[in-house]
Protein backbone atom coordinates (compact mmCIF):
# COMPACT_ATOMS: atom_id res chain seq x y z
CA MET A 1 -43.28 -6.17 47.09
CA SER A 2 -46.56 -5.32 45.37
CA ILE A 3 -47.30 -2.34 43.14
CA LYS A 4 -50.71 -0.85 42.38
CA VAL A 5 -51.25 1.94 39.86
CA ASN A 6 -54.61 3.70 39.74
CA ASN A 7 -55.66 6.00 36.88
CA LEU A 8 -52.15 7.36 36.36
CA THR A 9 -51.92 10.34 34.02
CA PHE A 10 -48.84 12.39 33.23
CA LYS A 11 -48.59 15.44 31.00
CA TYR A 12 -45.46 17.27 29.90
CA MET A 13 -45.36 21.08 29.73
CA VAL A 14 -48.86 21.57 31.11
CA GLY A 15 -50.46 24.87 30.15
CA THR A 16 -48.14 25.51 27.20
CA PRO A 17 -48.71 25.05 23.46
CA PHE A 18 -46.42 22.02 23.70
CA GLU A 19 -48.52 20.17 26.29
CA LYS A 20 -48.42 16.43 25.69
CA THR A 21 -50.05 13.50 27.44
CA ALA A 22 -47.42 10.81 27.99
CA LEU A 23 -49.53 8.56 30.23
CA ASP A 24 -53.30 8.40 29.91
CA ASN A 25 -55.31 6.87 32.77
CA VAL A 26 -53.03 3.85 33.27
CA SER A 27 -54.07 1.24 35.84
CA PHE A 28 -52.58 -2.15 36.74
CA GLU A 29 -51.48 -4.28 39.69
CA ILE A 30 -48.28 -6.26 40.19
CA LYS A 31 -48.17 -8.89 42.91
CA ASP A 32 -45.19 -9.53 45.17
CA GLY A 33 -42.54 -11.61 43.40
CA GLU A 34 -43.99 -11.37 39.90
CA PHE A 35 -41.84 -10.97 36.80
CA ILE A 36 -43.47 -8.39 34.53
CA GLY A 37 -42.60 -7.66 30.92
CA LEU A 38 -43.38 -4.09 29.88
CA ILE A 39 -43.57 -3.81 26.10
CA GLY A 40 -44.53 -1.20 23.55
CA HIS A 41 -43.25 0.72 20.57
CA THR A 42 -40.84 3.64 21.06
CA GLY A 43 -42.82 6.58 22.45
CA SER A 44 -45.55 4.41 23.97
CA GLY A 45 -44.91 5.66 27.51
CA LYS A 46 -42.85 2.81 28.96
CA SER A 47 -39.92 4.91 30.21
CA THR A 48 -42.20 7.62 31.57
CA LEU A 49 -44.18 4.98 33.45
CA ILE A 50 -41.22 3.32 35.15
CA GLN A 51 -39.86 6.68 36.31
CA HIS A 52 -43.09 7.15 38.27
CA LEU A 53 -42.68 3.86 40.10
CA ASN A 54 -39.84 5.12 42.27
CA GLY A 55 -40.87 8.77 42.43
CA LEU A 56 -38.55 10.25 39.82
CA LEU A 57 -41.60 11.77 38.15
CA LYS A 58 -44.74 13.04 39.85
CA PRO A 59 -48.03 12.26 38.10
CA THR A 60 -50.44 14.91 36.88
CA SER A 61 -53.16 12.78 38.45
CA GLY A 62 -53.62 9.26 39.78
CA GLU A 63 -52.04 7.19 42.53
CA ILE A 64 -49.22 4.68 42.93
CA TYR A 65 -49.05 2.28 45.88
CA ILE A 66 -45.93 0.38 46.86
CA ASP A 67 -46.94 -2.29 49.38
CA ASP A 68 -50.13 -0.31 50.13
CA GLU A 69 -48.20 2.93 50.74
CA CYS A 70 -49.23 5.75 48.43
CA ILE A 71 -45.96 7.18 47.10
CA THR A 72 -47.76 9.99 45.28
CA ALA A 73 -49.09 11.47 48.52
CA LYS A 74 -47.55 14.58 50.08
CA GLY A 75 -44.76 14.08 52.60
CA VAL A 76 -43.70 10.63 51.40
CA ASP A 77 -40.04 9.77 52.00
CA LEU A 78 -39.01 9.31 48.38
CA LYS A 79 -35.40 8.55 49.32
CA ARG A 80 -36.61 5.45 51.15
CA ILE A 81 -38.90 4.50 48.26
CA ARG A 82 -35.96 4.70 45.84
CA GLN A 83 -34.03 2.30 48.03
CA LEU A 84 -36.93 -0.15 47.80
CA VAL A 85 -37.49 0.29 44.06
CA GLY A 86 -34.23 0.00 42.12
CA LEU A 87 -34.24 1.43 38.61
CA VAL A 88 -31.61 0.46 36.02
CA PHE A 89 -31.70 2.82 33.04
CA GLN A 90 -30.60 1.99 29.52
CA TYR A 91 -26.80 1.90 29.19
CA PRO A 92 -26.22 2.04 32.98
CA GLU A 93 -22.48 1.55 32.38
CA HIS A 94 -22.35 5.21 31.34
CA GLN A 95 -22.86 6.00 35.05
CA LEU A 96 -19.79 4.06 36.21
CA PHE A 97 -17.29 6.48 37.70
CA GLU A 98 -15.21 4.95 40.48
CA GLU A 99 -11.62 3.68 40.28
CA THR A 100 -12.43 0.04 40.98
CA VAL A 101 -15.33 -2.36 40.65
CA PHE A 102 -15.58 -2.62 44.44
CA LYS A 103 -15.78 1.14 44.93
CA ASP A 104 -18.41 1.50 42.24
CA VAL A 105 -20.71 -1.25 43.52
CA SER A 106 -20.24 -0.17 47.14
CA TYR A 107 -21.08 3.49 46.46
CA GLY A 108 -24.79 3.13 47.25
CA PRO A 109 -24.44 1.01 50.39
CA LYS A 110 -21.81 3.44 51.74
CA ASN A 111 -24.29 6.28 51.35
CA LEU A 112 -26.72 4.29 53.47
CA GLY A 113 -24.23 4.53 56.34
CA LEU A 114 -23.67 0.78 56.59
CA ASP A 115 -20.58 -0.65 58.31
CA GLU A 116 -17.66 -2.02 56.27
CA GLU A 117 -18.56 -5.66 56.90
CA GLU A 118 -22.12 -5.21 55.63
CA ILE A 119 -20.91 -3.20 52.62
CA GLU A 120 -18.44 -5.92 51.62
CA SER A 121 -21.11 -8.59 52.08
CA ARG A 122 -23.52 -6.70 49.82
CA VAL A 123 -20.90 -6.12 47.13
CA LYS A 124 -19.93 -9.81 47.11
CA TRP A 125 -23.59 -10.84 46.89
CA ALA A 126 -24.46 -8.36 44.14
CA LEU A 127 -21.46 -9.31 42.00
CA SER A 128 -22.18 -13.01 42.42
CA ILE A 129 -25.76 -12.45 41.23
CA VAL A 130 -24.56 -10.85 37.97
CA GLY A 131 -21.81 -13.42 37.44
CA ILE A 132 -18.76 -11.29 38.25
CA ASP A 133 -15.98 -12.96 40.30
CA TYR A 134 -15.43 -10.77 43.36
CA ASP A 135 -11.81 -11.72 44.06
CA LYS A 136 -10.80 -11.46 40.42
CA TYR A 137 -12.44 -8.12 39.62
CA LYS A 138 -12.90 -6.14 42.85
CA ASP A 139 -9.70 -4.12 42.32
CA VAL A 140 -10.03 -3.83 38.54
CA SER A 141 -11.07 -0.55 36.93
CA PRO A 142 -14.63 -0.90 35.57
CA PHE A 143 -13.44 0.92 32.45
CA ASP A 144 -11.12 -2.00 31.61
CA LEU A 145 -14.04 -4.45 31.40
CA SER A 146 -15.94 -5.63 28.34
CA GLY A 147 -19.25 -4.01 27.47
CA GLY A 148 -21.24 -6.88 28.96
CA GLN A 149 -19.16 -6.89 32.14
CA LYS A 150 -19.60 -3.13 32.57
CA ARG A 151 -23.35 -3.55 32.23
CA ARG A 152 -23.37 -6.29 34.86
CA VAL A 153 -21.26 -4.24 37.29
CA ALA A 154 -23.65 -1.31 36.86
CA ILE A 155 -26.61 -3.58 37.62
CA ALA A 156 -24.74 -4.94 40.65
CA GLY A 157 -24.47 -1.38 41.95
CA VAL A 158 -28.28 -1.19 42.07
CA LEU A 159 -28.62 -4.69 43.53
CA ALA A 160 -26.18 -3.82 46.33
CA MET A 161 -28.87 -1.47 47.66
CA GLN A 162 -30.98 -4.63 48.09
CA PRO A 163 -34.18 -3.25 46.57
CA LYS A 164 -37.46 -5.13 46.86
CA VAL A 165 -38.37 -4.24 43.27
CA LEU A 166 -35.95 -4.16 40.35
CA ILE A 167 -36.86 -2.28 37.16
CA LEU A 168 -34.65 -2.82 34.12
CA ASP A 169 -35.03 -0.57 31.06
CA GLU A 170 -33.77 -2.46 28.00
CA PRO A 171 -30.86 -4.09 29.91
CA THR A 172 -29.50 -5.85 26.80
CA ALA A 173 -29.51 -2.81 24.49
CA GLY A 174 -26.30 -2.52 22.44
CA LEU A 175 -24.74 -5.76 23.68
CA ASP A 176 -23.34 -8.53 21.50
CA PRO A 177 -25.18 -11.90 21.57
CA LYS A 178 -22.90 -13.34 24.27
CA GLY A 179 -23.29 -10.32 26.55
CA ARG A 180 -27.03 -10.26 25.93
CA ASP A 181 -27.46 -13.93 26.84
CA GLU A 182 -25.38 -13.50 30.00
CA ILE A 183 -27.44 -10.55 31.22
CA LEU A 184 -30.75 -12.32 30.59
CA GLN A 185 -29.55 -15.48 32.34
CA ASN A 186 -28.41 -13.41 35.34
CA ILE A 187 -31.83 -11.73 35.54
CA LYS A 188 -33.57 -15.10 35.28
CA ASN A 189 -31.38 -16.57 38.04
CA LEU A 190 -31.93 -13.51 40.25
CA HIS A 191 -35.70 -13.89 40.07
CA LYS A 192 -35.53 -17.62 40.68
CA LYS A 193 -33.30 -17.26 43.74
CA SER A 194 -34.68 -14.11 45.36
CA LYS A 195 -38.32 -14.02 44.18
CA MET A 196 -37.76 -10.27 43.82
CA THR A 197 -40.44 -8.35 41.95
CA ILE A 198 -38.93 -7.56 38.54
CA ILE A 199 -40.15 -5.30 35.74
CA LEU A 200 -38.33 -5.78 32.44
CA VAL A 201 -38.79 -3.17 29.72
CA SER A 202 -37.96 -4.81 26.40
CA HIS A 203 -38.47 -4.62 22.66
CA SER A 204 -37.80 -8.37 22.37
CA MET A 205 -40.99 -10.42 22.34
CA ASP A 206 -38.90 -13.59 22.51
CA ASP A 207 -37.21 -12.46 25.74
CA VAL A 208 -40.41 -11.54 27.58
CA ALA A 209 -42.07 -14.75 26.38
CA GLU A 210 -39.26 -16.73 28.05
CA LEU A 211 -38.97 -14.71 31.26
CA ALA A 212 -42.18 -12.92 32.23
CA ASP A 213 -45.14 -14.12 34.28
CA LYS A 214 -47.31 -11.31 32.92
CA LEU A 215 -47.08 -8.64 30.23
CA ILE A 216 -48.27 -5.04 30.09
CA VAL A 217 -48.57 -3.63 26.57
CA MET A 218 -48.31 0.15 26.19
CA TYR A 219 -49.55 2.19 23.23
CA ARG A 220 -49.80 5.98 23.03
CA GLY A 221 -49.68 6.32 26.81
CA LYS A 222 -52.30 3.66 27.53
CA ASN A 223 -51.91 0.09 28.73
CA ILE A 224 -54.04 -1.59 26.10
CA ILE A 225 -53.44 -5.28 26.88
CA GLN A 226 -52.51 -7.10 30.09
CA GLY A 227 -52.17 -10.79 30.81
CA THR A 228 -49.90 -13.80 30.69
CA PRO A 229 -47.55 -14.02 27.69
CA LYS A 230 -49.76 -16.66 26.09
CA GLU A 231 -52.87 -14.50 26.54
CA VAL A 232 -51.18 -11.37 25.20
CA PHE A 233 -49.58 -13.06 22.18
CA ARG A 234 -52.95 -14.38 21.01
CA ASN A 235 -53.62 -10.78 19.93
CA VAL A 236 -51.43 -11.05 16.83
CA GLU A 237 -53.33 -8.54 14.69
CA THR A 238 -53.58 -5.95 17.48
CA LEU A 239 -49.88 -6.19 18.31
CA GLU A 240 -48.86 -5.91 14.68
CA SER A 241 -51.16 -2.92 14.19
CA ILE A 242 -49.25 -0.99 16.89
CA GLY A 243 -45.81 -1.81 15.54
CA LEU A 244 -45.06 -4.87 17.66
CA ALA A 245 -44.94 -8.55 16.81
CA VAL A 246 -45.19 -11.91 18.52
CA PRO A 247 -42.29 -14.26 19.29
CA GLN A 248 -40.65 -15.68 16.17
CA VAL A 249 -41.52 -19.17 17.34
CA LYS A 250 -45.23 -18.36 17.06
CA TYR A 251 -44.79 -17.44 13.39
CA LEU A 252 -42.89 -20.71 12.88
CA VAL A 253 -45.72 -22.67 14.47
CA GLN A 254 -48.28 -20.97 12.22
CA SER A 255 -46.17 -21.84 9.18
CA LEU A 256 -45.77 -25.48 10.22
CA ASN A 257 -49.48 -25.81 10.90
CA LYS A 258 -50.19 -24.72 7.35
CA LYS A 259 -48.12 -27.72 6.31
CA GLY A 260 -50.20 -30.07 8.46
CA PHE A 261 -48.25 -30.28 11.73
CA ASN A 262 -51.29 -29.39 13.90
CA LEU A 263 -49.24 -27.76 16.70
CA ASN A 264 -50.72 -25.78 19.59
CA GLU A 265 -51.12 -22.14 18.48
CA ASP A 266 -50.24 -20.97 22.03
CA ILE A 267 -46.61 -22.09 21.71
CA ILE A 268 -44.41 -19.02 22.27
CA THR A 269 -40.99 -20.31 23.39
CA VAL A 270 -38.25 -22.30 21.69
CA SER A 271 -38.37 -25.09 24.29
CA GLU A 272 -42.14 -25.49 23.84
CA ALA A 273 -41.75 -25.59 20.06
CA LYS A 274 -38.95 -28.14 20.26
CA ASP A 275 -41.01 -30.51 22.41
CA ALA A 276 -44.13 -30.12 20.27
CA ILE A 277 -42.30 -30.63 16.95
CA LEU A 278 -40.50 -33.75 18.24
CA LYS A 279 -43.84 -35.21 19.41
CA ALA A 280 -45.39 -34.46 16.04
CA LEU A 281 -42.51 -36.14 14.21
CA ARG A 282 -42.76 -39.22 16.45
CA ARG A 283 -46.47 -39.47 15.66
CA GLU A 284 -45.65 -39.30 11.96
CA LYS A 285 -43.21 -42.22 12.28
CA LYS A 286 -45.88 -44.34 13.94
């Protein structure tokens, strides 16, 4: 499912002394099936932007198209749009409330009026996607799970609605390394299997370098850089000037090159660095 944003502007408390522009003439396009990393310092407008993409916020001006349908037009069925565009907020486990994992994940599909067979099928599918064993956990209270498991169950609840677009706002925030790695691997597997359009909001440059097809960089309500991870991370000085960085591997490569390794400056992932360093060491032995 494609997304097109044209000249999107959003202001809080319009007409008051506290008026503030949160989004300033933002435009971009996301193609069907793309994995997008949305990055920016705290207060850059990321969270405000994603809340527009499923109609939770209405822009002051500008247009948003979901598969060529303008969702900012009058009379649009926003309930249907929110079924198509699933939004997972930070700490989604805080919204868990049912007695069992099954009841929690099935809550959305039940509200769609689906029959019991379809509901069970969706719950099984959603839990399998996030790596939760259906038979083992369906009757367990979500409050008895680990932090990482709670997070995955909460994400499964959104997936059970079978959205065409999945937006995740800092899905690894507050998790230990094991829980963080599990969530990221689940997201990676989901995109690989379903080709769902995914937007990942993250403060981790290393994560988006590994996962995203394209990046959108936000700063003071504007999208100042767009492109592939390699294209975006060439802008080291610009990113650092707005409080961001580049993947740690890129700094390592720069350091090694100063020592004569002559590695490609576009290396941004651990696997790329590993291959390049091994090749350089083999050349040295020859």
